[in-house]
């Protein structure tokens, strides 16, 4: 008999919890993140459409390589890590 009471109490708690969770208003963070481009806002070009940071382009990586070679940074790192 006690088991039946425990099962009934758990069922009531589960139903009440579900009803309370559905009564709460949903919060959205999209309204505060960025203005939408389709309503005239300007999007952040350093982020993808999903909001993740975008990586560097091949041109940017190549320019960084050239700068490190010209400044001598690449050779200093080569000496520091012994070519590994």
PDB file of N, CA and C in Angstrom:
ATOM      1  N   UNK A   1       0.811  -1.189   0.000  1.00  0.00           N
ATOM      2  CA  UNK A   1       0.000   0.000   0.000  1.00  0.00           C
ATOM      3  C   UNK A   1       0.859   1.260   0.000  1.00  0.00           C
ATOM      4  N   UNK A   2       1.984   1.217   0.754  1.00  0.00           N
ATOM      5  CA  UNK A   2       2.869   2.376   0.786  1.00  0.00           C
ATOM      6  C   UNK A   2       3.484   2.627  -0.585  1.00  0.00           C
ATOM      7  N   UNK A   3       3.779   1.567  -1.308  1.00  0.00           N
ATOM      8  CA  UNK A   3       4.357   1.702  -2.644  1.00  0.00           C
ATOM      9  C   UNK A   3       3.387   2.418  -3.572  1.00  0.00           C
ATOM     10  N   UNK A   4       2.125   2.106  -3.457  1.00  0.00           N
ATOM     11  CA  UNK A   4       1.113   2.753  -4.282  1.00  0.00           C
ATOM     12  C   UNK A   4       1.027   4.250  -3.973  1.00  0.00           C
ATOM     13  N   UNK A   5       1.140   4.611  -2.718  1.00  0.00           N
ATOM     14  CA  UNK A   5       1.126   6.031  -2.333  1.00  0.00           C
ATOM     15  C   UNK A   5       2.360   6.765  -2.875  1.00  0.00           C
ATOM     16  N   UNK A   6       3.499   6.122  -2.825  1.00  0.00           N
ATOM     17  CA  UNK A   6       4.733   6.741  -3.335  1.00  0.00           C
ATOM     18  C   UNK A   6       4.630   6.943  -4.850  1.00  0.00           C
ATOM     19  N   UNK A   7       4.113   5.942  -5.558  1.00  0.00           N
ATOM     20  CA  UNK A   7       3.941   6.042  -7.007  1.00  0.00           C
ATOM     21  C   UNK A   7       2.968   7.161  -7.337  1.00  0.00           C
ATOM     22  N   UNK A   8       1.871   7.245  -6.582  1.00  0.00           N
ATOM     23  CA  UNK A   8       0.878   8.296  -6.825  1.00  0.00           C
ATOM     24  C   UNK A   8       1.465   9.680  -6.557  1.00  0.00           C
ATOM     25  N   UNK A   9       2.254   9.816  -5.492  1.00  0.00           N
ATOM     26  CA  UNK A   9       2.877  11.104  -5.169  1.00  0.00           C
ATOM     27  C   UNK A   9       3.874  11.510  -6.259  1.00  0.00           C
ATOM     28  N   UNK A  10       4.625  10.571  -6.765  1.00  0.00           N
ATOM     29  CA  UNK A  10       5.578  10.867  -7.846  1.00  0.00           C
ATOM     30  C   UNK A  10       4.853  11.277  -9.116  1.00  0.00           C
ATOM     31  N   UNK A  11       3.732  10.626  -9.406  1.00  0.00           N
ATOM     32  CA  UNK A  11       2.965  10.969 -10.605  1.00  0.00           C
ATOM     33  C   UNK A  11       2.395  12.374 -10.493  1.00  0.00           C
ATOM     34  N   UNK A  12       1.890  12.720  -9.312  1.00  0.00           N
ATOM     35  CA  UNK A  12       1.348  14.069  -9.102  1.00  0.00           C
ATOM     36  C   UNK A  12       2.463  15.106  -9.225  1.00  0.00           C
ATOM     37  N   UNK A  13       3.624  14.824  -8.660  1.00  0.00           N
ATOM     38  CA  UNK A  13       4.745  15.758  -8.748  1.00  0.00           C
ATOM     39  C   UNK A  13       5.209  15.931 -10.194  1.00  0.00           C
ATOM     40  N   UNK A  14       5.210  14.852 -10.949  1.00  0.00           N
ATOM     41  CA  UNK A  14       5.618  14.918 -12.348  1.00  0.00           C
ATOM     42  C   UNK A  14       4.636  15.751 -13.166  1.00  0.00           C
ATOM     43  N   UNK A  15       3.359  15.527 -12.976  1.00  0.00           N
ATOM     44  CA  UNK A  15       2.342  16.274 -13.714  1.00  0.00           C
ATOM     45  C   UNK A  15       2.380  17.754 -13.325  1.00  0.00           C
ATOM     46  N   UNK A  16       2.524  18.037 -12.040  1.00  0.00           N
ATOM     47  CA  UNK A  16       2.583  19.431 -11.584  1.00  0.00           C
ATOM     48  C   UNK A  16       3.833  20.127 -12.125  1.00  0.00           C
ATOM     49  N   UNK A  17       4.930  19.413 -12.148  1.00  0.00           N
ATOM     50  CA  UNK A  17       6.169  19.994 -12.689  1.00  0.00           C
ATOM     51  C   UNK A  17       6.055  20.301 -14.166  1.00  0.00           C
ATOM     52  N   UNK A  18       5.433  19.410 -14.914  1.00  0.00           N
ATOM     53  CA  UNK A  18       5.237  19.634 -16.345  1.00  0.00           C
ATOM     54  C   UNK A  18       4.329  20.839 -16.586  1.00  0.00           C
ATOM     55  N   UNK A  19       3.241  20.928 -15.813  1.00  0.00           N
ATOM     56  CA  UNK A  19       2.305  22.045 -15.979  1.00  0.00           C
ATOM     57  C   UNK A  19       2.972  23.368 -15.617  1.00  0.00           C
ATOM     58  N   UNK A  20       3.785  23.375 -14.558  1.00  0.00           N
ATOM     59  CA  UNK A  20       4.459  24.605 -14.145  1.00  0.00           C
ATOM     60  C   UNK A  20       5.498  25.024 -15.179  1.00  0.00           C
ATOM     61  N   UNK A  21       6.212  24.067 -15.770  1.00  0.00           N
ATOM     62  CA  UNK A  21       7.233  24.378 -16.766  1.00  0.00           C
ATOM     63  C   UNK A  21       6.606  24.960 -18.022  1.00  0.00           C
ATOM     64  N   UNK A  22       5.432  24.491 -18.402  1.00  0.00           N
ATOM     65  CA  UNK A  22       4.778  25.006 -19.593  1.00  0.00           C
ATOM     66  C   UNK A  22       4.176  26.376 -19.356  1.00  0.00           C
ATOM     67  N   UNK A  23       3.885  26.727 -18.100  1.00  0.00           N
ATOM     68  CA  UNK A  23       3.284  28.020 -17.787  1.00  0.00           C
ATOM     69  C   UNK A  23       4.312  29.146 -17.828  1.00  0.00           C
ATOM     70  N   UNK A  24       5.593  28.824 -17.726  1.00  0.00           N
ATOM     71  CA  UNK A  24       6.639  29.838 -17.732  1.00  0.00           C
ATOM     72  C   UNK A  24       6.854  30.354 -19.152  1.00  0.00           C
ATOM     73  N   UNK A  25       6.998  31.666 -19.339  1.00  0.00           N
ATOM     74  CA  UNK A  25       7.234  32.191 -20.685  1.00  0.00           C
ATOM     75  C   UNK A  25       8.643  31.829 -21.161  1.00  0.00           C
ATOM     76  N   UNK A  26       8.734  31.527 -22.415  1.00  0.00           N
ATOM     77  CA  UNK A  26      10.026  31.184 -23.003  1.00  0.00           C
ATOM     78  C   UNK A  26      10.836  32.449 -23.197  1.00  0.00           C
ATOM     79  N   UNK A  27      12.121  32.388 -22.851  1.00  0.00           N
ATOM     80  CA  UNK A  27      13.007  33.529 -23.058  1.00  0.00           C
ATOM     81  C   UNK A  27      13.833  33.282 -24.298  1.00  0.00           C
ATOM     82  N   UNK A  28      14.014  34.311 -25.082  1.00  0.00           N
ATOM     83  CA  UNK A  28      14.829  34.186 -26.285  1.00  0.00           C
ATOM     84  C   UNK A  28      15.972  35.175 -26.207  1.00  0.00           C
ATOM     85  N   UNK A  29      17.145  34.731 -26.590  1.00  0.00           N
ATOM     86  CA  UNK A  29      18.315  35.591 -26.588  1.00  0.00           C
ATOM     87  C   UNK A  29      18.555  36.207 -27.962  1.00  0.00           C
ATOM     88  N   UNK A  30      17.811  35.766 -28.953  1.00  0.00           N
ATOM     89  CA  UNK A  30      18.063  36.243 -30.306  1.00  0.00           C
ATOM     90  C   UNK A  30      17.710  37.715 -30.464  1.00  0.00           C
ATOM     91  N   UNK A  31      16.792  38.222 -29.666  1.00  0.00           N
ATOM     92  CA  UNK A  31      16.400  39.615 -29.804  1.00  0.00           C
ATOM     93  C   UNK A  31      17.497  40.556 -29.324  1.00  0.00           C
ATOM     94  N   UNK A  32      18.379  40.089 -28.445  1.00  0.00           N
ATOM     95  CA  UNK A  32      19.414  40.951 -27.906  1.00  0.00           C
ATOM     96  C   UNK A  32      20.783  40.733 -28.541  1.00  0.00           C
ATOM     97  N   UNK A  33      20.926  39.722 -29.398  1.00  0.00           N
ATOM     98  CA  UNK A  33      22.237  39.385 -29.932  1.00  0.00           C
ATOM     99  C   UNK A  33      22.634  40.317 -31.073  1.00  0.00           C
ATOM    100  N   UNK A  34      21.974  40.241 -32.173  1.00  0.00           N
ATOM    101  CA  UNK A  34      22.305  41.026 -33.354  1.00  0.00           C
ATOM    102  C   UNK A  34      21.020  41.413 -34.073  1.00  0.00           C
ATOM    103  N   UNK A  35      20.985  42.572 -34.695  1.00  0.00           N
ATOM    104  CA  UNK A  35      19.817  42.877 -35.512  1.00  0.00           C
ATOM    105  C   UNK A  35      19.821  42.004 -36.762  1.00  0.00           C
ATOM    106  N   UNK A  36      18.672  41.631 -37.205  1.00  0.00           N
ATOM    107  CA  UNK A  36      18.569  40.772 -38.379  1.00  0.00           C
ATOM    108  C   UNK A  36      18.880  41.564 -39.636  1.00  0.00           C
ATOM    109  N   UNK A  37      19.513  40.917 -40.584  1.00  0.00           N
ATOM    110  CA  UNK A  37      19.897  41.589 -41.809  1.00  0.00           C
ATOM    111  C   UNK A  37      18.689  41.881 -42.689  1.00  0.00           C
ATOM    112  N   UNK A  38      17.647  41.050 -42.600  1.00  0.00           N
ATOM    113  CA  UNK A  38      16.500  41.250 -43.468  1.00  0.00           C
ATOM    114  C   UNK A  38      15.626  42.433 -43.049  1.00  0.00           C
ATOM    115  N   UNK A  39      15.877  43.024 -41.894  1.00  0.00           N
ATOM    116  CA  UNK A  39      15.128  44.209 -41.487  1.00  0.00           C
ATOM    117  C   UNK A  39      16.005  45.451 -41.525  1.00  0.00           C
ATOM    118  N   UNK A  40      17.105  45.367 -42.219  1.00  0.00           N
ATOM    119  CA  UNK A  40      17.959  46.531 -42.422  1.00  0.00           C
ATOM    120  C   UNK A  40      19.133  46.618 -41.480  1.00  0.00           C
ATOM    121  N   UNK A  41      19.302  45.665 -40.595  1.00  0.00           N
ATOM    122  CA  UNK A  41      20.427  45.700 -39.673  1.00  0.00           C
ATOM    123  C   UNK A  41      21.704  45.248 -40.355  1.00  0.00           C
ATOM    124  N   UNK A  42      22.824  45.534 -39.743  1.00  0.00           N
ATOM    125  CA  UNK A  42      24.122  45.133 -40.272  1.00  0.00           C
ATOM    126  C   UNK A  42      24.629  43.982 -39.432  1.00  0.00           C
ATOM    127  N   UNK A  43      24.977  42.874 -40.066  1.00  0.00           N
ATOM    128  CA  UNK A  43      25.463  41.729 -39.323  1.00  0.00           C
ATOM    129  C   UNK A  43      26.965  41.850 -39.104  1.00  0.00           C
ATOM    130  N   UNK A  44      27.443  41.157 -38.089  1.00  0.00           N
ATOM    131  CA  UNK A  44      28.860  41.121 -37.766  1.00  0.00           C
ATOM    132  C   UNK A  44      29.550  40.161 -38.729  1.00  0.00           C
ATOM    133  N   UNK A  45      30.471  40.639 -39.532  1.00  0.00           N
ATOM    134  CA  UNK A  45      31.087  39.804 -40.561  1.00  0.00           C
ATOM    135  C   UNK A  45      32.117  38.840 -39.992  1.00  0.00           C
ATOM    136  N   UNK A  46      32.463  38.956 -38.696  1.00  0.00           N
ATOM    137  CA  UNK A  46      33.412  38.017 -38.115  1.00  0.00           C
ATOM    138  C   UNK A  46      32.709  36.774 -37.584  1.00  0.00           C
ATOM    139  N   UNK A  47      31.412  36.695 -37.772  1.00  0.00           N
ATOM    140  CA  UNK A  47      30.643  35.545 -37.304  1.00  0.00           C
ATOM    141  C   UNK A  47      29.882  34.933 -38.468  1.00  0.00           C
ATOM    142  N   UNK A  48      29.687  33.630 -38.391  1.00  0.00           N
ATOM    143  CA  UNK A  48      28.928  32.938 -39.432  1.00  0.00           C
ATOM    144  C   UNK A  48      27.446  33.150 -39.196  1.00  0.00           C
ATOM    145  N   UNK A  49      26.613  32.616 -40.083  1.00  0.00           N
ATOM    146  CA  UNK A  49      25.172  32.766 -39.958  1.00  0.00           C
ATOM    147  C   UNK A  49      24.648  32.079 -38.701  1.00  0.00           C
ATOM    148  N   UNK A  50      25.329  31.043 -38.246  1.00  0.00           N
ATOM    149  CA  UNK A  50      24.905  30.338 -37.044  1.00  0.00           C
ATOM    150  C   UNK A  50      25.410  31.013 -35.776  1.00  0.00           C
ATOM    151  N   UNK A  51      26.250  32.040 -35.905  1.00  0.00           N
ATOM    152  CA  UNK A  51      26.749  32.748 -34.738  1.00  0.00           C
ATOM    153  C   UNK A  51      28.118  32.311 -34.283  1.00  0.00           C
ATOM    154  N   UNK A  52      28.686  31.281 -34.908  1.00  0.00           N
ATOM    155  CA  UNK A  52      30.005  30.814 -34.522  1.00  0.00           C
ATOM    156  C   UNK A  52      31.075  31.698 -35.154  1.00  0.00           C
ATOM    157  N   UNK A  53      32.199  31.884 -34.461  1.00  0.00           N
ATOM    158  CA  UNK A  53      33.272  32.689 -35.058  1.00  0.00           C
ATOM    159  C   UNK A  53      33.793  32.045 -36.335  1.00  0.00           C
ATOM    160  N   UNK A  54      34.022  32.873 -37.343  1.00  0.00           N
ATOM    161  CA  UNK A  54      34.537  32.357 -38.608  1.00  0.00           C
ATOM    162  C   UNK A  54      36.054  32.254 -38.518  1.00  0.00           C
ATOM    163  N   UNK A  55      36.615  31.302 -39.262  1.00  0.00           N
ATOM    164  CA  UNK A  55      38.053  31.155 -39.317  1.00  0.00           C
ATOM    165  C   UNK A  55      38.656  32.143 -40.301  1.00  0.00           C
ATOM    166  N   UNK A  56      39.965  32.150 -40.369  1.00  0.00           N
ATOM    167  CA  UNK A  56      40.648  33.032 -41.294  1.00  0.00           C
ATOM    168  C   UNK A  56      40.553  32.483 -42.717  1.00  0.00           C
ATOM    169  N   UNK A  57      40.594  33.373 -43.678  1.00  0.00           N
ATOM    170  CA  UNK A  57      40.601  32.947 -45.067  1.00  0.00           C
ATOM    171  C   UNK A  57      42.008  32.511 -45.449  1.00  0.00           C
ATOM    172  N   UNK A  58      42.138  31.864 -46.585  1.00  0.00           N
ATOM    173  CA  UNK A  58      43.460  31.437 -47.047  1.00  0.00           C
ATOM    174  C   UNK A  58      44.373  32.640 -47.290  1.00  0.00           C
ATOM    175  N   UNK A  59      43.789  33.709 -47.808  1.00  0.00           N
ATOM    176  CA  UNK A  59      44.572  34.916 -48.077  1.00  0.00           C
ATOM    177  C   UNK A  59      45.105  35.518 -46.777  1.00  0.00           C
ATOM    178  N   UNK A  60      44.295  35.533 -45.732  1.00  0.00           N
ATOM    179  CA  UNK A  60      44.727  36.081 -44.456  1.00  0.00           C
ATOM    180  C   UNK A  60      45.838  35.230 -43.842  1.00  0.00           C
ATOM    181  N   UNK A  61      45.715  33.913 -43.950  1.00  0.00           N
ATOM    182  CA  UNK A  61      46.743  33.024 -43.420  1.00  0.00           C
ATOM    183  C   UNK A  61      48.044  33.209 -44.192  1.00  0.00           C
ATOM    184  N   UNK A  62      47.949  33.334 -45.504  1.00  0.00           N
ATOM    185  CA  UNK A  62      49.146  33.511 -46.330  1.00  0.00           C
ATOM    186  C   UNK A  62      49.829  34.841 -46.010  1.00  0.00           C
ATOM    187  N   UNK A  63      49.040  35.903 -45.832  1.00  0.00           N
ATOM    188  CA  UNK A  63      49.623  37.202 -45.480  1.00  0.00           C
ATOM    189  C   UNK A  63      50.305  37.140 -44.116  1.00  0.00           C
ATOM    190  N   UNK A  64      49.721  36.406 -43.180  1.00  0.00           N
ATOM    191  CA  UNK A  64      50.330  36.234 -41.863  1.00  0.00           C
ATOM    192  C   UNK A  64      51.648  35.474 -41.971  1.00  0.00           C
ATOM    193  N   UNK A  65      51.707  34.458 -42.840  1.00  0.00           N
ATOM    194  CA  UNK A  65      52.941  33.715 -43.074  1.00  0.00           C
ATOM    195  C   UNK A  65      54.023  34.629 -43.630  1.00  0.00           C
ATOM    196  N   UNK A  66      53.664  35.443 -44.627  1.00  0.00           N
ATOM    197  CA  UNK A  66      54.650  36.358 -45.214  1.00  0.00           C
ATOM    198  C   UNK A  66      55.166  37.363 -44.186  1.00  0.00           C
ATOM    199  N   UNK A  67      54.253  37.894 -43.349  1.00  0.00           N
ATOM    200  CA  UNK A  67      54.678  38.853 -42.317  1.00  0.00           C
ATOM    201  C   UNK A  67      55.625  38.204 -41.319  1.00  0.00           C
ATOM    202  N   UNK A  68      55.337  36.948 -40.921  1.00  0.00           N
ATOM    203  CA  UNK A  68      56.206  36.279 -39.953  1.00  0.00           C
ATOM    204  C   UNK A  68      57.571  35.959 -40.554  1.00  0.00           C
ATOM    205  N   UNK A  69      57.612  35.666 -41.856  1.00  0.00           N
ATOM    206  CA  UNK A  69      58.899  35.418 -42.512  1.00  0.00           C
ATOM    207  C   UNK A  69      59.708  36.703 -42.626  1.00  0.00           C
ATOM    208  N   UNK A  70      59.063  37.796 -42.968  1.00  0.00           N
ATOM    209  CA  UNK A  70      59.761  39.065 -43.151  1.00  0.00           C
ATOM    210  C   UNK A  70      60.242  39.647 -41.822  1.00  0.00           C
ATOM    211  N   UNK A  71      59.481  39.444 -40.755  1.00  0.00           N
ATOM    212  CA  UNK A  71      59.877  40.015 -39.467  1.00  0.00           C
ATOM    213  C   UNK A  71      60.885  39.144 -38.735  1.00  0.00           C
ATOM    214  N   UNK A  72      61.099  37.923 -39.182  1.00  0.00           N
ATOM    215  CA  UNK A  72      62.039  37.021 -38.530  1.00  0.00           C
ATOM    216  C   UNK A  72      61.397  36.197 -37.421  1.00  0.00           C
ATOM    217  N   UNK A  73      60.120  36.361 -37.222  1.00  0.00           N
ATOM    218  CA  UNK A  73      59.431  35.621 -36.165  1.00  0.00           C
ATOM    219  C   UNK A  73      59.440  34.123 -36.450  1.00  0.00           C
ATOM    220  N   UNK A  74      59.312  33.752 -37.709  1.00  0.00           N
ATOM    221  CA  UNK A  74      59.279  32.333 -38.062  1.00  0.00           C
ATOM    222  C   UNK A  74      60.626  31.667 -37.742  1.00  0.00           C
ATOM    223  N   UNK A  75      61.713  32.333 -38.026  1.00  0.00           N
ATOM    224  CA  UNK A  75      63.019  31.732 -37.739  1.00  0.00           C
ATOM    225  C   UNK A  75      63.273  31.645 -36.233  1.00  0.00           C
ATOM    226  N   UNK A  76      62.814  32.640 -35.467  1.00  0.00           N
ATOM    227  CA  UNK A  76      62.960  32.578 -34.013  1.00  0.00           C
ATOM    228  C   UNK A  76      62.178  31.403 -33.441  1.00  0.00           C
ATOM    229  N   UNK A  77      60.975  31.173 -33.942  1.00  0.00           N
ATOM    230  CA  UNK A  77      60.177  30.040 -33.469  1.00  0.00           C
ATOM    231  C   UNK A  77      60.804  28.722 -33.907  1.00  0.00           C
ATOM    232  N   UNK A  78      61.386  28.703 -35.101  1.00  0.00           N
ATOM    233  CA  UNK A  78      62.057  27.489 -35.584  1.00  0.00           C
ATOM    234  C   UNK A  78      63.228  27.131 -34.674  1.00  0.00           C
ATOM    235  N   UNK A  79      63.992  28.150 -34.267  1.00  0.00           N
ATOM    236  CA  UNK A  79      65.114  27.917 -33.367  1.00  0.00           C
ATOM    237  C   UNK A  79      64.639  27.499 -31.975  1.00  0.00           C
ATOM    238  N   UNK A  80      63.552  28.088 -31.527  1.00  0.00           N
ATOM    239  CA  UNK A  80      63.032  27.789 -30.198  1.00  0.00           C
ATOM    240  C   UNK A  80      62.545  26.349 -30.092  1.00  0.00           C
ATOM    241  N   UNK A  81      61.843  25.875 -31.102  1.00  0.00           N
ATOM    242  CA  UNK A  81      61.303  24.518 -31.070  1.00  0.00           C
ATOM    243  C   UNK A  81      62.161  23.500 -31.816  1.00  0.00           C
ATOM    244  N   UNK A  82      63.303  23.920 -32.292  1.00  0.00           N
ATOM    245  CA  UNK A  82      64.274  23.048 -32.962  1.00  0.00           C
ATOM    246  C   UNK A  82      63.700  22.291 -34.138  1.00  0.00           C
ATOM    247  N   UNK A  83      62.868  22.960 -34.932  1.00  0.00           N
ATOM    248  CA  UNK A  83      62.367  22.388 -36.163  1.00  0.00           C
ATOM    249  C   UNK A  83      61.295  21.340 -36.000  1.00  0.00           C
ATOM    250  N   UNK A  84      60.697  21.248 -34.837  1.00  0.00           N
ATOM    251  CA  UNK A  84      59.673  20.230 -34.630  1.00  0.00           C
ATOM    252  C   UNK A  84      58.312  20.770 -34.893  1.00  0.00           C
TER     253      UNK A  84
END
